Amino acid sequence: MIILLTISLLVNVGVLAAVVPGILQDSAGMDAAFGPDTPARRILTSIYIAILVLSAVGLAMLALGWQQQVATLAVGLLAVQIVYKFLTAGIVGMDNPVVGANIPIAILHCVTLATLLRSG
């Protein structure tokens, strides 16, 4: 359980630590992936930052040995990510590079969430 949980949280931190600065700086390619800089894109960025912070906090808590507390935190965090990532596939379409990158992450999070729920 802890290995999968750690992997899911590390993936969140790794991906979002790269993506968020790019969005905030309006780096090349961000418009193609996320659309132009609008209030909606800034709201999405805020959600990404929240996921990044909670994932980093979860990793720190794991390092402190607070495994059960992180598991509790992760159930909600991963469930929300799974739902929104799969919804975007239907709403936005698989041609979008963000959606294409999100589906494998959602599958990883599904496996982690199932493991967390089974372990109780």
PDB file of N, CA and C in Angstrom:
ATOM      1  N   MET A   1       0.825  -1.192   0.000  1.00  0.00           N
ATOM      2  CA  MET A   1       0.000   0.000   0.000  1.00  0.00           C
ATOM      3  C   MET A   1       0.871   1.260   0.000  1.00  0.00           C
ATOM      4  N   ILE A   2       1.870   1.301   0.856  1.00  0.00           N
ATOM      5  CA  ILE A   2       2.691   2.503   0.999  1.00  0.00           C
ATOM      6  C   ILE A   2       3.498   2.774  -0.264  1.00  0.00           C
ATOM      7  N   ILE A   3       3.946   1.718  -0.932  1.00  0.00           N
ATOM      8  CA  ILE A   3       4.730   1.927  -2.156  1.00  0.00           C
ATOM      9  C   ILE A   3       3.866   2.582  -3.231  1.00  0.00           C
ATOM     10  N   LEU A   4       2.668   2.047  -3.460  1.00  0.00           N
ATOM     11  CA  LEU A   4       1.783   2.642  -4.469  1.00  0.00           C
ATOM     12  C   LEU A   4       1.380   4.057  -4.086  1.00  0.00           C
ATOM     13  N   LEU A   5       1.083   4.267  -2.825  1.00  0.00           N
ATOM     14  CA  LEU A   5       0.713   5.601  -2.364  1.00  0.00           C
ATOM     15  C   LEU A   5       1.852   6.581  -2.605  1.00  0.00           C
ATOM     16  N   THR A   6       3.055   6.167  -2.286  1.00  0.00           N
ATOM     17  CA  THR A   6       4.222   7.021  -2.507  1.00  0.00           C
ATOM     18  C   THR A   6       4.397   7.323  -3.994  1.00  0.00           C
ATOM     19  N   ILE A   7       4.230   6.319  -4.830  1.00  0.00           N
ATOM     20  CA  ILE A   7       4.367   6.518  -6.278  1.00  0.00           C
ATOM     21  C   ILE A   7       3.324   7.503  -6.784  1.00  0.00           C
ATOM     22  N   SER A   8       2.076   7.339  -6.378  1.00  0.00           N
ATOM     23  CA  SER A   8       1.021   8.258  -6.824  1.00  0.00           C
ATOM     24  C   SER A   8       1.313   9.695  -6.400  1.00  0.00           C
ATOM     25  N   LEU A   9       1.724   9.871  -5.157  1.00  0.00           N
ATOM     26  CA  LEU A   9       2.021  11.218  -4.678  1.00  0.00           C
ATOM     27  C   LEU A   9       3.247  11.804  -5.380  1.00  0.00           C
ATOM     28  N   LEU A  10       4.269  10.967  -5.619  1.00  0.00           N
ATOM     29  CA  LEU A  10       5.450  11.433  -6.347  1.00  0.00           C
ATOM     30  C   LEU A  10       5.116  11.828  -7.783  1.00  0.00           C
ATOM     31  N   VAL A  11       4.247  11.062  -8.425  1.00  0.00           N
ATOM     32  CA  VAL A  11       3.825  11.409  -9.789  1.00  0.00           C
ATOM     33  C   VAL A  11       3.120  12.762  -9.777  1.00  0.00           C
ATOM     34  N   ASN A  12       2.217  12.961  -8.820  1.00  0.00           N
ATOM     35  CA  ASN A  12       1.544  14.263  -8.720  1.00  0.00           C
ATOM     36  C   ASN A  12       2.551  15.394  -8.571  1.00  0.00           C
ATOM     37  N   VAL A  13       3.471  15.234  -7.648  1.00  0.00           N
ATOM     38  CA  VAL A  13       4.459  16.294  -7.401  1.00  0.00           C
ATOM     39  C   VAL A  13       5.343  16.499  -8.628  1.00  0.00           C
ATOM     40  N   GLY A  14       5.829  15.414  -9.207  1.00  0.00           N
ATOM     41  CA  GLY A  14       6.715  15.533 -10.362  1.00  0.00           C
ATOM     42  C   GLY A  14       6.060  16.207 -11.554  1.00  0.00           C
ATOM     43  N   VAL A  15       4.859  15.766 -11.879  1.00  0.00           N
ATOM     44  CA  VAL A  15       4.156  16.343 -13.035  1.00  0.00           C
ATOM     45  C   VAL A  15       3.791  17.794 -12.771  1.00  0.00           C
ATOM     46  N   LEU A  16       3.185  18.045 -11.612  1.00  0.00           N
ATOM     47  CA  LEU A  16       2.691  19.394 -11.348  1.00  0.00           C
ATOM     48  C   LEU A  16       3.812  20.388 -11.064  1.00  0.00           C
ATOM     49  N   ALA A  17       4.921  19.927 -10.507  1.00  0.00           N
ATOM     50  CA  ALA A  17       6.057  20.831 -10.296  1.00  0.00           C
ATOM     51  C   ALA A  17       6.621  21.306 -11.625  1.00  0.00           C
ATOM     52  N   ALA A  18       6.427  20.529 -12.674  1.00  0.00           N
ATOM     53  CA  ALA A  18       6.862  20.940 -14.016  1.00  0.00           C
ATOM     54  C   ALA A  18       5.789  21.759 -14.738  1.00  0.00           C
ATOM     55  N   VAL A  19       4.527  21.379 -14.580  1.00  0.00           N
ATOM     56  CA  VAL A  19       3.444  22.004 -15.335  1.00  0.00           C
ATOM     57  C   VAL A  19       3.051  23.373 -14.772  1.00  0.00           C
ATOM     58  N   VAL A  20       2.928  23.484 -13.463  1.00  0.00           N
ATOM     59  CA  VAL A  20       2.426  24.728 -12.866  1.00  0.00           C
ATOM     60  C   VAL A  20       3.299  25.934 -13.217  1.00  0.00           C
ATOM     61  N   PRO A  21       4.621  25.859 -13.059  1.00  0.00           N
ATOM     62  CA  PRO A  21       5.419  27.029 -13.457  1.00  0.00           C
ATOM     63  C   PRO A  21       5.253  27.374 -14.942  1.00  0.00           C
ATOM     64  N   GLY A  22       5.130  26.354 -15.776  1.00  0.00           N
ATOM     65  CA  GLY A  22       4.933  26.604 -17.202  1.00  0.00           C
ATOM     66  C   GLY A  22       3.638  27.342 -17.476  1.00  0.00           C
ATOM     67  N   ILE A  23       2.581  26.956 -16.782  1.00  0.00           N
ATOM     68  CA  ILE A  23       1.303  27.651 -16.949  1.00  0.00           C
ATOM     69  C   ILE A  23       1.402  29.078 -16.431  1.00  0.00           C
ATOM     70  N   LEU A  24       1.978  29.247 -15.247  1.00  0.00           N
ATOM     71  CA  LEU A  24       2.069  30.582 -14.645  1.00  0.00           C
ATOM     72  C   LEU A  24       2.928  31.529 -15.472  1.00  0.00           C
ATOM     73  N   GLN A  25       3.966  30.989 -16.133  1.00  0.00           N
ATOM     74  CA  GLN A  25       4.853  31.819 -16.950  1.00  0.00           C
ATOM     75  C   GLN A  25       4.391  31.893 -18.402  1.00  0.00           C
ATOM     76  N   ASP A  26       3.282  31.214 -18.703  1.00  0.00           N
ATOM     77  CA  ASP A  26       2.741  31.160 -20.062  1.00  0.00           C
ATOM     78  C   ASP A  26       3.809  30.696 -21.054  1.00  0.00           C
ATOM     79  N   SER A  27       4.519  29.631 -20.661  1.00  0.00           N
ATOM     80  CA  SER A  27       5.588  29.073 -21.483  1.00  0.00           C
ATOM     81  C   SER A  27       5.052  28.552 -22.813  1.00  0.00           C
ATOM     82  N   ALA A  28       5.967  28.372 -23.744  1.00  0.00           N
ATOM     83  CA  ALA A  28       5.606  27.867 -25.067  1.00  0.00           C
ATOM     84  C   ALA A  28       4.850  26.551 -24.949  1.00  0.00           C
ATOM     85  N   GLY A  29       3.800  26.423 -25.704  1.00  0.00           N
ATOM     86  CA  GLY A  29       3.018  25.198 -25.719  1.00  0.00           C
ATOM     87  C   GLY A  29       1.869  25.172 -24.722  1.00  0.00           C
ATOM     88  N   MET A  30       1.878  26.067 -23.756  1.00  0.00           N
ATOM     89  CA  MET A  30       0.818  26.045 -22.745  1.00  0.00           C
ATOM     90  C   MET A  30      -0.538  26.411 -23.343  1.00  0.00           C
ATOM     91  N   ASP A  31      -0.565  27.374 -24.275  1.00  0.00           N
ATOM     92  CA  ASP A  31      -1.831  27.728 -24.908  1.00  0.00           C
ATOM     93  C   ASP A  31      -2.409  26.544 -25.673  1.00  0.00           C
ATOM     94  N   ALA A  32      -1.546  25.806 -26.371  1.00  0.00           N
ATOM     95  CA  ALA A  32      -2.020  24.652 -27.135  1.00  0.00           C
ATOM     96  C   ALA A  32      -2.582  23.572 -26.223  1.00  0.00           C
ATOM     97  N   ALA A  33      -1.968  23.398 -25.073  1.00  0.00           N
ATOM     98  CA  ALA A  33      -2.394  22.341 -24.155  1.00  0.00           C
ATOM     99  C   ALA A  33      -3.553  22.769 -23.268  1.00  0.00           C
ATOM    100  N   PHE A  34      -3.504  23.998 -22.739  1.00  0.00           N
ATOM    101  CA  PHE A  34      -4.467  24.437 -21.726  1.00  0.00           C
ATOM    102  C   PHE A  34      -5.375  25.563 -22.189  1.00  0.00           C
ATOM    103  N   GLY A  35      -5.172  26.050 -23.412  1.00  0.00           N
ATOM    104  CA  GLY A  35      -5.940  27.189 -23.882  1.00  0.00           C
ATOM    105  C   GLY A  35      -5.266  28.479 -23.464  1.00  0.00           C
ATOM    106  N   PRO A  36      -5.788  29.598 -23.955  1.00  0.00           N
ATOM    107  CA  PRO A  36      -5.166  30.890 -23.623  1.00  0.00           C
ATOM    108  C   PRO A  36      -5.329  31.211 -22.135  1.00  0.00           C
ATOM    109  N   ASP A  37      -4.526  32.148 -21.676  1.00  0.00           N
ATOM    110  CA  ASP A  37      -4.580  32.569 -20.280  1.00  0.00           C
ATOM    111  C   ASP A  37      -5.902  33.283 -20.018  1.00  0.00           C
ATOM    112  N   THR A  38      -6.774  32.624 -19.283  1.00  0.00           N
ATOM    113  CA  THR A  38      -8.099  33.151 -18.939  1.00  0.00           C
ATOM    114  C   THR A  38      -8.342  32.889 -17.458  1.00  0.00           C
ATOM    115  N   PRO A  39      -9.385  33.474 -16.890  1.00  0.00           N
ATOM    116  CA  PRO A  39      -9.723  33.130 -15.506  1.00  0.00           C
ATOM    117  C   PRO A  39      -9.946  31.629 -15.316  1.00  0.00           C
ATOM    118  N   ALA A  40     -10.521  30.958 -16.297  1.00  0.00           N
ATOM    119  CA  ALA A  40     -10.754  29.508 -16.180  1.00  0.00           C
ATOM    120  C   ALA A  40      -9.426  28.754 -16.071  1.00  0.00           C
ATOM    121  N   ARG A  41      -8.451  29.134 -16.869  1.00  0.00           N
ATOM    122  CA  ARG A  41      -7.144  28.475 -16.796  1.00  0.00           C
ATOM    123  C   ARG A  41      -6.465  28.769 -15.463  1.00  0.00           C
ATOM    124  N   ARG A  42      -6.660  29.947 -14.920  1.00  0.00           N
ATOM    125  CA  ARG A  42      -6.082  30.288 -13.620  1.00  0.00           C
ATOM    126  C   ARG A  42      -6.760  29.510 -12.492  1.00  0.00           C
ATOM    127  N   ILE A  43      -8.057  29.272 -12.641  1.00  0.00           N
ATOM    128  CA  ILE A  43      -8.766  28.429 -11.661  1.00  0.00           C
ATOM    129  C   ILE A  43      -8.203  27.013 -11.714  1.00  0.00           C
ATOM    130  N   LEU A  44      -8.025  26.474 -12.914  1.00  0.00           N
ATOM    131  CA  LEU A  44      -7.426  25.151 -13.066  1.00  0.00           C
ATOM    132  C   LEU A  44      -6.039  25.116 -12.443  1.00  0.00           C
ATOM    133  N   THR A  45      -5.262  26.161 -12.664  1.00  0.00           N
ATOM    134  CA  THR A  45      -3.922  26.226 -12.084  1.00  0.00           C
ATOM    135  C   THR A  45      -3.996  26.212 -10.556  1.00  0.00           C
ATOM    136  N   SER A  46      -4.968  26.899  -9.994  1.00  0.00           N
ATOM    137  CA  SER A  46      -5.154  26.886  -8.540  1.00  0.00           C
ATOM    138  C   SER A  46      -5.460  25.480  -8.040  1.00  0.00           C
ATOM    139  N   ILE A  47      -6.266  24.758  -8.784  1.00  0.00           N
ATOM    140  CA  ILE A  47      -6.577  23.368  -8.420  1.00  0.00           C
ATOM    141  C   ILE A  47      -5.312  22.518  -8.510  1.00  0.00           C
ATOM    142  N   TYR A  48      -4.536  22.720  -9.561  1.00  0.00           N
ATOM    143  CA  TYR A  48      -3.269  21.992  -9.690  1.00  0.00           C
ATOM    144  C   TYR A  48      -2.335  22.290  -8.520  1.00  0.00           C
ATOM    145  N   ILE A  49      -2.275  23.551  -8.113  1.00  0.00           N
ATOM    146  CA  ILE A  49      -1.414  23.911  -6.976  1.00  0.00           C
ATOM    147  C   ILE A  49      -1.905  23.225  -5.705  1.00  0.00           C
ATOM    148  N   ALA A  50      -3.213  23.171  -5.521  1.00  0.00           N
ATOM    149  CA  ALA A  50      -3.765  22.490  -4.341  1.00  0.00           C
ATOM    150  C   ALA A  50      -3.385  21.010  -4.346  1.00  0.00           C
ATOM    151  N   ILE A  51      -3.490  20.363  -5.499  1.00  0.00           N
ATOM    152  CA  ILE A  51      -3.105  18.951  -5.608  1.00  0.00           C
ATOM    153  C   ILE A  51      -1.607  18.796  -5.330  1.00  0.00           C
ATOM    154  N   LEU A  52      -0.805  19.697  -5.871  1.00  0.00           N
ATOM    155  CA  LEU A  52       0.640  19.670  -5.651  1.00  0.00           C
ATOM    156  C   LEU A  52       0.972  19.813  -4.172  1.00  0.00           C
ATOM    157  N   VAL A  53       0.373  20.783  -3.517  1.00  0.00           N
ATOM    158  CA  VAL A  53       0.656  21.019  -2.095  1.00  0.00           C
ATOM    159  C   VAL A  53       0.214  19.827  -1.254  1.00  0.00           C
ATOM    160  N   LEU A  54      -0.996  19.329  -1.475  1.00  0.00           N
ATOM    161  CA  LEU A  54      -1.473  18.188  -0.691  1.00  0.00           C
ATOM    162  C   LEU A  54      -0.615  16.946  -0.929  1.00  0.00           C
ATOM    163  N   SER A  55      -0.169  16.756  -2.145  1.00  0.00           N
ATOM    164  CA  SER A  55       0.691  15.605  -2.440  1.00  0.00           C
ATOM    165  C   SER A  55       2.036  15.743  -1.744  1.00  0.00           C
ATOM    166  N   ALA A  56       2.603  16.949  -1.766  1.00  0.00           N
ATOM    167  CA  ALA A  56       3.884  17.185  -1.087  1.00  0.00           C
ATOM    168  C   ALA A  56       3.733  17.023   0.424  1.00  0.00           C
ATOM    169  N   VAL A  57       2.640  17.509   0.975  1.00  0.00           N
ATOM    170  CA  VAL A  57       2.378  17.336   2.405  1.00  0.00           C
ATOM    171  C   VAL A  57       2.234  15.851   2.719  1.00  0.00           C
ATOM    172  N   GLY A  58       1.535  15.120   1.863  1.00  0.00           N
ATOM    173  CA  GLY A  58       1.387  13.679   2.059  1.00  0.00           C
ATOM    174  C   GLY A  58       2.725  12.966   2.074  1.00  0.00           C
ATOM    175  N   LEU A  59       3.611  13.342   1.170  1.00  0.00           N
ATOM    176  CA  LEU A  59       4.949  12.729   1.151  1.00  0.00           C
ATOM    177  C   LEU A  59       5.718  13.053   2.427  1.00  0.00           C
ATOM    178  N   ALA A  60       5.612  14.286   2.895  1.00  0.00           N
ATOM    179  CA  ALA A  60       6.285  14.667   4.141  1.00  0.00           C
ATOM    180  C   ALA A  60       5.714  13.876   5.318  1.00  0.00           C
ATOM    181  N   MET A  61       4.402  13.707   5.334  1.00  0.00           N
ATOM    182  CA  MET A  61       3.769  12.934   6.402  1.00  0.00           C
ATOM    183  C   MET A  61       4.203  11.471   6.361  1.00  0.00           C
ATOM    184  N   LEU A  62       4.352  10.919   5.158  1.00  0.00           N
ATOM    185  CA  LEU A  62       4.852   9.543   5.038  1.00  0.00           C
ATOM    186  C   LEU A  62       6.259   9.443   5.613  1.00  0.00           C
ATOM    187  N   ALA A  63       7.078  10.446   5.330  1.00  0.00           N
ATOM    188  CA  ALA A  63       8.451  10.442   5.851  1.00  0.00           C
ATOM    189  C   ALA A  63       8.467  10.486   7.379  1.00  0.00           C
ATOM    190  N   LEU A  64       7.419  11.062   7.962  1.00  0.00           N
ATOM    191  CA  LEU A  64       7.305  11.133   9.416  1.00  0.00           C
ATOM    192  C   LEU A  64       6.652   9.887  10.019  1.00  0.00           C
ATOM    193  N   GLY A  65       6.227   8.964   9.132  1.00  0.00           N
ATOM    194  CA  GLY A  65       5.624   7.730   9.608  1.00  0.00           C
ATOM    195  C   GLY A  65       4.120   7.789   9.817  1.00  0.00           C
ATOM    196  N   TRP A  66       3.480   8.814   9.318  1.00  0.00           N
ATOM    197  CA  TRP A  66       2.033   8.986   9.492  1.00  0.00           C
ATOM    198  C   TRP A  66       1.265   8.334   8.344  1.00  0.00           C
ATOM    199  N   GLN A  67       1.452   7.044   8.176  1.00  0.00           N
ATOM    200  CA  GLN A  67       0.907   6.325   7.028  1.00  0.00           C
ATOM    201  C   GLN A  67      -0.620   6.322   6.991  1.00  0.00           C
ATOM    202  N   GLN A  68      -1.263   6.070   8.113  1.00  0.00           N
ATOM    203  CA  GLN A  68      -2.728   6.001   8.121  1.00  0.00           C
ATOM    204  C   GLN A  68      -3.357   7.362   7.815  1.00  0.00           C
ATOM    205  N   GLN A  69      -2.777   8.424   8.352  1.00  0.00           N
ATOM    206  CA  GLN A  69      -3.299   9.760   8.081  1.00  0.00           C
ATOM    207  C   GLN A  69      -3.156  10.126   6.604  1.00  0.00           C
ATOM    208  N   VAL A  70      -2.036   9.737   6.007  1.00  0.00           N
ATOM    209  CA  VAL A  70      -1.833  10.009   4.581  1.00  0.00           C
ATOM    210  C   VAL A  70      -2.799   9.179   3.745  1.00  0.00           C
ATOM    211  N   ALA A  71      -3.026   7.949   4.134  1.00  0.00           N
ATOM    212  CA  ALA A  71      -3.982   7.110   3.414  1.00  0.00           C
ATOM    213  C   ALA A  71      -5.366   7.757   3.432  1.00  0.00           C
ATOM    214  N   THR A  72      -5.760   8.298   4.572  1.00  0.00           N
ATOM    215  CA  THR A  72      -7.054   8.976   4.677  1.00  0.00           C
ATOM    216  C   THR A  72      -7.100  10.197   3.764  1.00  0.00           C
ATOM    217  N   LEU A  73      -6.050  11.001   3.780  1.00  0.00           N
ATOM    218  CA  LEU A  73      -5.952  12.167   2.901  1.00  0.00           C
ATOM    219  C   LEU A  73      -6.011  11.752   1.437  1.00  0.00           C
ATOM    220  N   ALA A  74      -5.301  10.696   1.106  1.00  0.00           N
ATOM    221  CA  ALA A  74      -5.157  10.282  -0.294  1.00  0.00           C
ATOM    222  C   ALA A  74      -6.449   9.743  -0.886  1.00  0.00           C
ATOM    223  N   VAL A  75      -7.303   9.145  -0.082  1.00  0.00           N
ATOM    224  CA  VAL A  75      -8.557   8.607  -0.629  1.00  0.00           C
ATOM    225  C   VAL A  75      -9.332   9.718  -1.329  1.00  0.00           C
ATOM    226  N   GLY A  76      -9.523  10.842  -0.668  1.00  0.00           N
ATOM    227  CA  GLY A  76     -10.248  11.952  -1.286  1.00  0.00           C
ATOM    228  C   GLY A  76      -9.488  12.587  -2.430  1.00  0.00           C
ATOM    229  N   LEU A  77      -8.202  12.811  -2.212  1.00  0.00           N
ATOM    230  CA  LEU A  77      -7.366  13.451  -3.226  1.00  0.00           C
ATOM    231  C   LEU A  77      -7.342  12.642  -4.518  1.00  0.00           C
ATOM    232  N   LEU A  78      -7.077  11.358  -4.405  1.00  0.00           N
ATOM    233  CA  LEU A  78      -6.995  10.508  -5.602  1.00  0.00           C
ATOM    234  C   LEU A  78      -8.351  10.316  -6.251  1.00  0.00           C
ATOM    235  N   ALA A  79      -9.408  10.188  -5.451  1.00  0.00           N
ATOM    236  CA  ALA A  79     -10.752   9.999  -6.018  1.00  0.00           C
ATOM    237  C   ALA A  79     -11.151  11.193  -6.885  1.00  0.00           C
ATOM    238  N   VAL A  80     -10.900  12.390  -6.399  1.00  0.00           N
ATOM    239  CA  VAL A  80     -11.227  13.590  -7.179  1.00  0.00           C
ATOM    240  C   VAL A  80     -10.412  13.625  -8.465  1.00  0.00           C
ATOM    241  N   GLN A  81      -9.134  13.299  -8.372  1.00  0.00           N
ATOM    242  CA  GLN A  81      -8.294  13.296  -9.574  1.00  0.00           C
ATOM    243  C   GLN A  81      -8.767  12.260 -10.586  1.00  0.00           C
ATOM    244  N   ILE A  82      -9.118  11.082 -10.121  1.00  0.00           N
ATOM    245  CA  ILE A  82      -9.584  10.025 -11.022  1.00  0.00           C
ATOM    246  C   ILE A  82     -10.826  10.487 -11.773  1.00  0.00           C
ATOM    247  N   VAL A  83     -11.779  11.029 -11.039  1.00  0.00           N
ATOM    248  CA  VAL A  83     -13.034  11.453 -11.661  1.00  0.00           C
ATOM    249  C   VAL A  83     -12.786  12.550 -12.686  1.00  0.00           C
ATOM    250  N   TYR A  84     -12.043  13.597 -12.300  1.00  0.00           N
ATOM    251  CA  TYR A  84     -11.877  14.697 -13.248  1.00  0.00           C
ATOM    252  C   TYR A  84     -11.033  14.285 -14.457  1.00  0.00           C
ATOM    253  N   LYS A  85     -10.041  13.437 -14.252  1.00  0.00           N
ATOM    254  CA  LYS A  85      -9.195  13.023 -15.370  1.00  0.00           C
ATOM    255  C   LYS A  85      -9.973  12.187 -16.385  1.00  0.00           C
ATOM    256  N   PHE A  86     -10.821  11.280 -15.918  1.00  0.00           N
ATOM    257  CA  PHE A  86     -11.620  10.497 -16.854  1.00  0.00           C
ATOM    258  C   PHE A  86     -12.739  11.332 -17.486  1.00  0.00           C
ATOM    259  N   LEU A  87     -13.314  12.259 -16.736  1.00  0.00           N
ATOM    260  CA  LEU A  87     -14.340  13.131 -17.313  1.00  0.00           C
ATOM    261  C   LEU A  87     -13.782  13.973 -18.452  1.00  0.00           C
ATOM    262  N   THR A  88     -12.556  14.471 -18.287  1.00  0.00           N
ATOM    263  CA  THR A  88     -11.987  15.307 -19.344  1.00  0.00           C
ATOM    264  C   THR A  88     -11.785  14.530 -20.646  1.00  0.00           C
ATOM    265  N   ALA A  89     -11.580  13.241 -20.540  1.00  0.00           N
ATOM    266  CA  ALA A  89     -11.429  12.437 -21.769  1.00  0.00           C
ATOM    267  C   ALA A  89     -12.700  12.508 -22.602  1.00  0.00           C
ATOM    268  N   GLY A  90     -13.844  12.444 -21.948  1.00  0.00           N
ATOM    269  CA  GLY A  90     -15.110  12.523 -22.670  1.00  0.00           C
ATOM    270  C   GLY A  90     -15.493  13.934 -23.062  1.00  0.00           C
ATOM    271  N   ILE A  91     -15.164  14.896 -22.221  1.00  0.00           N
ATOM    272  CA  ILE A  91     -15.577  16.278 -22.467  1.00  0.00           C
ATOM    273  C   ILE A  91     -14.630  17.000 -23.428  1.00  0.00           C
ATOM    274  N   VAL A  92     -13.334  16.811 -23.240  1.00  0.00           N
ATOM    275  CA  VAL A  92     -12.336  17.506 -24.059  1.00  0.00           C
ATOM    276  C   VAL A  92     -11.922  16.653 -25.253  1.00  0.00           C
ATOM    277  N   GLY A  93     -11.795  15.352 -25.041  1.00  0.00           N
ATOM    278  CA  GLY A  93     -11.371  14.451 -26.104  1.00  0.00           C
ATOM    279  C   GLY A  93      -9.922  14.032 -25.938  1.00  0.00           C
ATOM    280  N   MET A  94      -9.625  12.874 -26.450  1.00  0.00           N
ATOM    281  CA  MET A  94      -8.288  12.292 -26.286  1.00  0.00           C
ATOM    282  C   MET A  94      -7.223  12.952 -27.155  1.00  0.00           C
ATOM    283  N   ASP A  95      -7.623  13.837 -28.072  1.00  0.00           N
ATOM    284  CA  ASP A  95      -6.637  14.514 -28.918  1.00  0.00           C
ATOM    285  C   ASP A  95      -5.820  15.541 -28.143  1.00  0.00           C
ATOM    286  N   ASN A  96      -6.358  16.001 -27.020  1.00  0.00           N
ATOM    287  CA  ASN A  96      -5.649  16.999 -26.225  1.00  0.00           C
ATOM    288  C   ASN A  96      -4.491  16.335 -25.497  1.00  0.00           C
ATOM    289  N   PRO A  97      -3.289  16.930 -25.548  1.00  0.00           N
ATOM    290  CA  PRO A  97      -2.125  16.301 -24.906  1.00  0.00           C
ATOM    291  C   PRO A  97      -2.254  16.180 -23.387  1.00  0.00           C
ATOM    292  N   VAL A  98      -2.964  17.099 -22.760  1.00  0.00           N
ATOM    293  CA  VAL A  98      -3.150  17.021 -21.309  1.00  0.00           C
ATOM    294  C   VAL A  98      -4.006  15.810 -20.961  1.00  0.00           C
ATOM    295  N   VAL A  99      -5.063  15.615 -21.712  1.00  0.00           N
ATOM    296  CA  VAL A  99      -5.941  14.462 -21.478  1.00  0.00           C
ATOM    297  C   VAL A  99      -5.167  13.170 -21.703  1.00  0.00           C
ATOM    298  N   GLY A 100      -4.406  13.107 -22.787  1.00  0.00           N
ATOM    299  CA  GLY A 100      -3.613  11.915 -23.071  1.00  0.00           C
ATOM    300  C   GLY A 100      -2.621  11.591 -21.971  1.00  0.00           C
ATOM    301  N   ALA A 101      -2.037  12.612 -21.365  1.00  0.00           N
ATOM    302  CA  ALA A 101      -1.095  12.399 -20.264  1.00  0.00           C
ATOM    303  C   ALA A 101      -1.811  12.040 -18.970  1.00  0.00           C
ATOM    304  N   ASN A 102      -3.035  12.534 -18.809  1.00  0.00           N
ATOM    305  CA  ASN A 102      -3.769  12.307 -17.564  1.00  0.00           C
ATOM    306  C   ASN A 102      -4.325  10.892 -17.418  1.00  0.00           C
ATOM    307  N   ILE A 103      -4.643  10.241 -18.507  1.00  0.00           N
ATOM    308  CA  ILE A 103      -5.274   8.917 -18.406  1.00  0.00           C
ATOM    309  C   ILE A 103      -4.355   7.885 -17.744  1.00  0.00           C
ATOM    310  N   PRO A 104      -3.091   7.768 -18.125  1.00  0.00           N
ATOM    311  CA  PRO A 104      -2.232   6.813 -17.404  1.00  0.00           C
ATOM    312  C   PRO A 104      -2.091   7.150 -15.915  1.00  0.00           C
ATOM    313  N   ILE A 105      -2.069   8.444 -15.602  1.00  0.00           N
ATOM    314  CA  ILE A 105      -1.997   8.844 -14.189  1.00  0.00           C
ATOM    315  C   ILE A 105      -3.272   8.430 -13.472  1.00  0.00           C
ATOM    316  N   ALA A 106      -4.412   8.606 -14.114  1.00  0.00           N
ATOM    317  CA  ALA A 106      -5.690   8.206 -13.511  1.00  0.00           C
ATOM    318  C   ALA A 106      -5.722   6.699 -13.268  1.00  0.00           C
ATOM    319  N   ILE A 107      -5.188   5.934 -14.185  1.00  0.00           N
ATOM    320  CA  ILE A 107      -5.149   4.477 -14.005  1.00  0.00           C
ATOM    321  C   ILE A 107      -4.257   4.113 -12.809  1.00  0.00           C
ATOM    322  N   LEU A 108      -3.093   4.743 -12.716  1.00  0.00           N
ATOM    323  CA  LEU A 108      -2.223   4.534 -11.549  1.00  0.00           C
ATOM    324  C   LEU A 108      -2.980   4.862 -10.264  1.00  0.00           C
ATOM    325  N   HIS A 109      -3.653   6.006 -10.253  1.00  0.00           N
ATOM    326  CA  HIS A 109      -4.380   6.412  -9.056  1.00  0.00           C
ATOM    327  C   HIS A 109      -5.531   5.450  -8.738  1.00  0.00           C
ATOM    328  N   CYS A 110      -6.147   4.864  -9.760  1.00  0.00           N
ATOM    329  CA  CYS A 110      -7.196   3.851  -9.530  1.00  0.00           C
ATOM    330  C   CYS A 110      -6.625   2.641  -8.793  1.00  0.00           C
ATOM    331  N   VAL A 111      -5.486   2.191  -9.232  1.00  0.00           N
ATOM    332  CA  VAL A 111      -4.843   1.039  -8.582  1.00  0.00           C
ATOM    333  C   VAL A 111      -4.476   1.397  -7.140  1.00  0.00           C
ATOM    334  N   THR A 112      -3.914   2.585  -6.948  1.00  0.00           N
ATOM    335  CA  THR A 112      -3.552   3.016  -5.596  1.00  0.00           C
ATOM    336  C   THR A 112      -4.788   3.134  -4.724  1.00  0.00           C
ATOM    337  N   LEU A 113      -5.831   3.752  -5.221  1.00  0.00           N
ATOM    338  CA  LEU A 113      -7.056   3.931  -4.440  1.00  0.00           C
ATOM    339  C   LEU A 113      -7.676   2.578  -4.081  1.00  0.00           C
ATOM    340  N   ALA A 114      -7.731   1.659  -5.039  1.00  0.00           N
ATOM    341  CA  ALA A 114      -8.278   0.322  -4.749  1.00  0.00           C
ATOM    342  C   ALA A 114      -7.462  -0.376  -3.659  1.00  0.00           C
ATOM    343  N   THR A 115      -6.148  -0.219  -3.729  1.00  0.00           N
ATOM    344  CA  THR A 115      -5.280  -0.823  -2.713  1.00  0.00           C
ATOM    345  C   THR A 115      -5.532  -0.181  -1.339  1.00  0.00           C
ATOM    346  N   LEU A 116      -5.677   1.128  -1.309  1.00  0.00           N
ATOM    347  CA  LEU A 116      -5.954   1.823  -0.048  1.00  0.00           C
ATOM    348  C   LEU A 116      -7.285   1.365   0.554  1.00  0.00           C
ATOM    349  N   LEU A 117      -8.294   1.263  -0.284  1.00  0.00           N
ATOM    350  CA  LEU A 117      -9.622   0.889   0.212  1.00  0.00           C
ATOM    351  C   LEU A 117      -9.662  -0.555   0.677  1.00  0.00           C
ATOM    352  N   ARG A 118      -8.919  -1.436   0.004  1.00  0.00           N
ATOM    353  CA  ARG A 118      -8.860  -2.843   0.427  1.00  0.00           C
ATOM    354  C   ARG A 118      -8.116  -3.015   1.750  1.00  0.00           C
ATOM    355  N   SER A 119      -7.105  -2.175   1.959  1.00  0.00           N
ATOM    356  CA  SER A 119      -6.308  -2.328   3.160  1.00  0.00           C
ATOM    357  C   SER A 119      -6.964  -1.696   4.374  1.00  0.00           C
ATOM    358  N   GLY A 120      -7.996  -0.946   4.133  1.00  0.00           N
ATOM    359  CA  GLY A 120      -8.838  -0.502   5.127  1.00  0.00           C
ATOM    360  C   GLY A 120      -8.766   0.550   6.044  1.00  0.00           C
TER     361      GLY A 120
END
